Amino acid sequence: MRVPTASTAESAASRALSVAFATRPVRATDLQQIVALDAQITGLGKADYWKQLIDNAGTLRQSAQFFLVAERTHDPSALLLGFIQGEIRAWEFGSAPCGWVYSLSVRPDARLGGLGQALLEALAAEFKRAGVTKMRTMVLRGNRLVMLFFRAAGMMAGPYIELEKELD
C-alpha cells in the first residue's frame, strides 16, 4: 500500500465534533475498532474479512490499495472516528483504471459534520496521486442515506449496470 501522508482535516467535521481529526493509513492495531464500528453499523460481525483487508493493505498491489482511518488529532488513543477503504481497478469489461470505494463508515456520534466527506476526499486524493481520474462505488438501491451522501459528494450514475444471478 502506498503510504499517504497524514493530513489534519480542519473541516466542518472537526468543527462539528469540537475536535481536530487526522487521516492516516490503517494499522493492524485498528482491527478491533474497525470490526466493532462495522458491526455497529451493519449488524454483522466480519472480523476475518477486515483482518484480511488490513493484512493485505501493506502487501498486495502496493500502489493500488488504500485503507485510511480518521482519529482525533489530540487523542489518537481514543476510538477511531471512521474509516474508508478502496482500490484502483483496471480494465474489467473495458473500463479504464479508476478508483473504487469499497467501504466507508463513520461512528454515528461523529456524523453530520463532514467527516465522511473528508475521508472520501482523502481517498480521492490518493487515487489522483496514483494517476486515476475517476472514482466509483456501488450503493444498495434502497439505501437512501448512503445514496444521498455519495450524490452530495458529486457522484452520479455511471455507464455500467450491475447484473447478478442467484446461484442455487
Protein backbone atom coordinates (compact mmCIF):
# COMPACT_ATOMS: atom_id res chain seq x y z
CA MET A 1 0.00 0.00 0.00
CA ARG A 2 1.32 3.44 -0.83
CA VAL A 3 1.68 5.37 2.37
CA PRO A 4 -0.44 8.51 2.22
CA THR A 5 0.71 11.49 4.16
CA ALA A 6 -1.31 12.04 7.32
CA SER A 7 -3.25 15.24 7.00
CA THR A 8 -5.09 17.17 9.61
CA ALA A 9 -8.53 17.93 8.28
CA GLU A 10 -9.71 21.27 9.53
CA SER A 11 -13.16 20.88 8.07
CA ALA A 12 -16.78 21.13 9.02
CA ALA A 13 -16.42 17.73 10.68
CA SER A 14 -13.70 18.83 13.05
CA ARG A 15 -15.69 21.94 13.96
CA ALA A 16 -18.87 19.91 14.48
CA LEU A 17 -17.04 17.41 16.65
CA SER A 18 -15.24 20.20 18.51
CA VAL A 19 -12.01 18.30 17.87
CA ALA A 20 -9.48 18.21 15.09
CA PHE A 21 -9.01 14.90 13.33
CA ALA A 22 -6.39 13.39 11.08
CA THR A 23 -6.49 10.68 8.47
CA ARG A 24 -3.76 8.07 8.32
CA PRO A 25 -3.17 4.61 6.84
CA VAL A 26 -4.75 1.73 8.72
CA ARG A 27 -2.63 -0.21 11.21
CA ALA A 28 -3.02 -3.80 12.39
CA THR A 29 -3.86 -2.41 15.83
CA ASP A 30 -7.00 -0.77 14.36
CA LEU A 31 -8.65 -4.13 13.64
CA GLN A 32 -10.82 -4.40 16.77
CA GLN A 33 -12.18 -0.87 16.40
CA ILE A 34 -12.93 -1.35 12.68
CA VAL A 35 -14.72 -4.65 13.35
CA ALA A 36 -16.74 -3.06 16.17
CA LEU A 37 -17.73 0.01 14.12
CA ASP A 38 -18.69 -2.11 11.12
CA ALA A 39 -20.75 -4.45 13.34
CA GLN A 40 -22.47 -1.46 14.95
CA ILE A 41 -23.45 -0.09 11.53
CA THR A 42 -24.21 -3.28 9.59
CA GLY A 43 -25.24 -5.64 12.36
CA LEU A 44 -22.74 -8.22 11.07
CA GLY A 45 -19.51 -9.32 12.69
CA LYS A 46 -16.90 -9.77 9.96
CA ALA A 47 -13.61 -9.95 11.84
CA ASP A 48 -11.94 -12.33 9.36
CA TYR A 49 -12.93 -10.12 6.41
CA TRP A 50 -11.47 -6.96 7.98
CA LYS A 51 -8.34 -8.76 9.18
CA GLN A 52 -7.64 -9.96 5.65
CA LEU A 53 -8.11 -6.45 4.21
CA ILE A 54 -5.83 -4.91 6.83
CA ASP A 55 -3.21 -7.64 6.36
CA ASN A 56 -3.34 -7.19 2.59
CA ALA A 57 -3.25 -3.40 2.75
CA GLY A 58 0.52 -3.43 3.09
CA THR A 59 1.34 -6.32 0.80
CA LEU A 60 -0.89 -6.68 -2.25
CA ARG A 61 -0.63 -4.36 -5.23
CA GLN A 62 1.19 -1.80 -3.20
CA SER A 63 0.27 1.21 -5.32
CA ALA A 64 -3.39 0.32 -5.77
CA GLN A 65 -4.93 -0.34 -2.33
CA PHE A 66 -5.82 2.30 0.20
CA PHE A 67 -7.27 1.92 3.68
CA LEU A 68 -7.47 5.11 5.73
CA VAL A 69 -8.81 5.81 9.20
CA ALA A 70 -9.78 9.04 10.93
CA GLU A 71 -8.77 9.67 14.52
CA ARG A 72 -8.83 12.59 16.91
CA THR A 73 -5.65 14.60 16.44
CA HIS A 74 -5.02 15.28 20.12
CA ASP A 75 -6.08 11.84 21.38
CA PRO A 76 -5.03 9.09 18.97
CA SER A 77 -5.68 6.53 21.72
CA ALA A 78 -9.40 7.37 21.58
CA LEU A 79 -11.85 5.44 19.43
CA LEU A 80 -11.45 5.76 15.67
CA LEU A 81 -13.97 8.17 14.20
CA GLY A 82 -14.30 6.35 10.89
CA PHE A 83 -12.59 4.59 8.02
CA ILE A 84 -12.59 4.27 4.24
CA GLN A 85 -11.19 1.53 2.02
CA GLY A 86 -10.75 1.34 -1.72
CA GLU A 87 -8.51 0.32 -4.55
CA ILE A 88 -7.66 1.06 -8.14
CA ARG A 89 -9.10 -1.46 -10.57
CA ALA A 90 -8.44 -1.57 -14.29
CA TRP A 91 -9.87 -2.97 -17.48
CA GLU A 92 -12.78 -5.00 -16.17
CA PHE A 93 -15.24 -5.02 -19.08
CA GLY A 94 -13.20 -2.35 -20.86
CA SER A 95 -13.19 0.16 -18.01
CA ALA A 96 -10.10 2.37 -17.87
CA PRO A 97 -8.30 2.38 -14.49
CA CYS A 98 -10.41 4.01 -11.81
CA GLY A 99 -10.65 4.17 -8.04
CA TRP A 100 -13.30 2.10 -6.30
CA VAL A 101 -14.68 2.97 -2.87
CA TYR A 102 -15.40 -0.37 -1.19
CA SER A 103 -16.30 0.74 2.31
CA LEU A 104 -16.86 3.95 4.23
CA SER A 105 -18.06 4.11 7.80
CA VAL A 106 -18.31 6.89 10.37
CA ARG A 107 -19.29 6.49 14.00
CA PRO A 108 -22.91 7.60 14.43
CA ASP A 109 -21.92 10.21 17.05
CA ALA A 110 -19.38 11.68 14.60
CA ARG A 111 -21.76 12.08 11.65
CA LEU A 112 -23.27 15.17 10.06
CA GLY A 113 -20.14 17.24 10.41
CA GLY A 114 -18.26 16.42 7.22
CA LEU A 115 -16.05 13.57 8.46
CA GLY A 116 -17.35 11.13 5.81
CA GLN A 117 -16.77 13.78 3.16
CA ALA A 118 -13.23 14.34 4.47
CA LEU A 119 -12.49 10.60 4.32
CA LEU A 120 -13.89 10.42 0.77
CA GLU A 121 -11.77 13.41 -0.27
CA ALA A 122 -8.66 11.84 1.30
CA LEU A 123 -9.23 8.64 -0.66
CA ALA A 124 -9.90 10.63 -3.85
CA ALA A 125 -6.60 12.44 -3.33
CA GLU A 126 -4.79 9.08 -3.11
CA PHE A 127 -6.46 7.94 -6.31
CA LYS A 128 -5.44 11.17 -8.06
CA ARG A 129 -1.83 10.80 -6.88
CA ALA A 130 -1.86 7.31 -8.37
CA GLY A 131 -2.96 8.76 -11.71
CA VAL A 132 -6.63 7.87 -11.98
CA THR A 133 -9.26 10.45 -12.84
CA LYS A 134 -12.49 8.66 -11.92
CA MET A 135 -13.90 7.18 -8.73
CA ARG A 136 -16.75 4.65 -8.47
CA THR A 137 -18.73 2.82 -5.82
CA MET A 138 -21.86 0.67 -5.55
CA VAL A 139 -24.84 1.57 -3.40
CA LEU A 140 -27.71 -0.67 -2.39
CA ARG A 141 -30.69 0.64 -4.36
CA GLY A 142 -32.87 1.18 -1.26
CA ASN A 143 -30.19 2.78 0.93
CA ARG A 144 -31.33 6.38 0.60
CA LEU A 145 -28.93 7.76 3.24
CA VAL A 146 -25.83 6.36 1.54
CA MET A 147 -27.13 7.34 -1.91
CA LEU A 148 -27.71 10.92 -0.73
CA PHE A 149 -24.22 11.06 0.79
CA PHE A 150 -22.47 10.00 -2.42
CA ARG A 151 -24.72 12.20 -4.59
CA ALA A 152 -23.93 15.19 -2.37
CA ALA A 153 -20.24 14.40 -2.88
CA GLY A 154 -20.72 14.77 -6.65
CA MET A 155 -21.06 11.12 -7.60
CA MET A 156 -23.74 10.11 -10.09
CA ALA A 157 -24.86 7.11 -12.11
CA GLY A 158 -22.11 5.83 -14.37
CA PRO A 159 -22.11 4.00 -17.69
CA TYR A 160 -22.28 0.48 -16.21
CA ILE A 161 -25.22 -1.51 -14.88
CA GLU A 162 -24.62 -4.17 -12.25
CA LEU A 163 -26.22 -7.52 -13.11
CA GLU A 164 -26.50 -10.56 -10.87
CA LYS A 165 -27.88 -14.06 -10.79
CA GLU A 166 -28.82 -16.25 -7.84
CA LEU A 167 -26.65 -19.38 -7.87
CA ASP A 168 -28.84 -22.05 -6.36
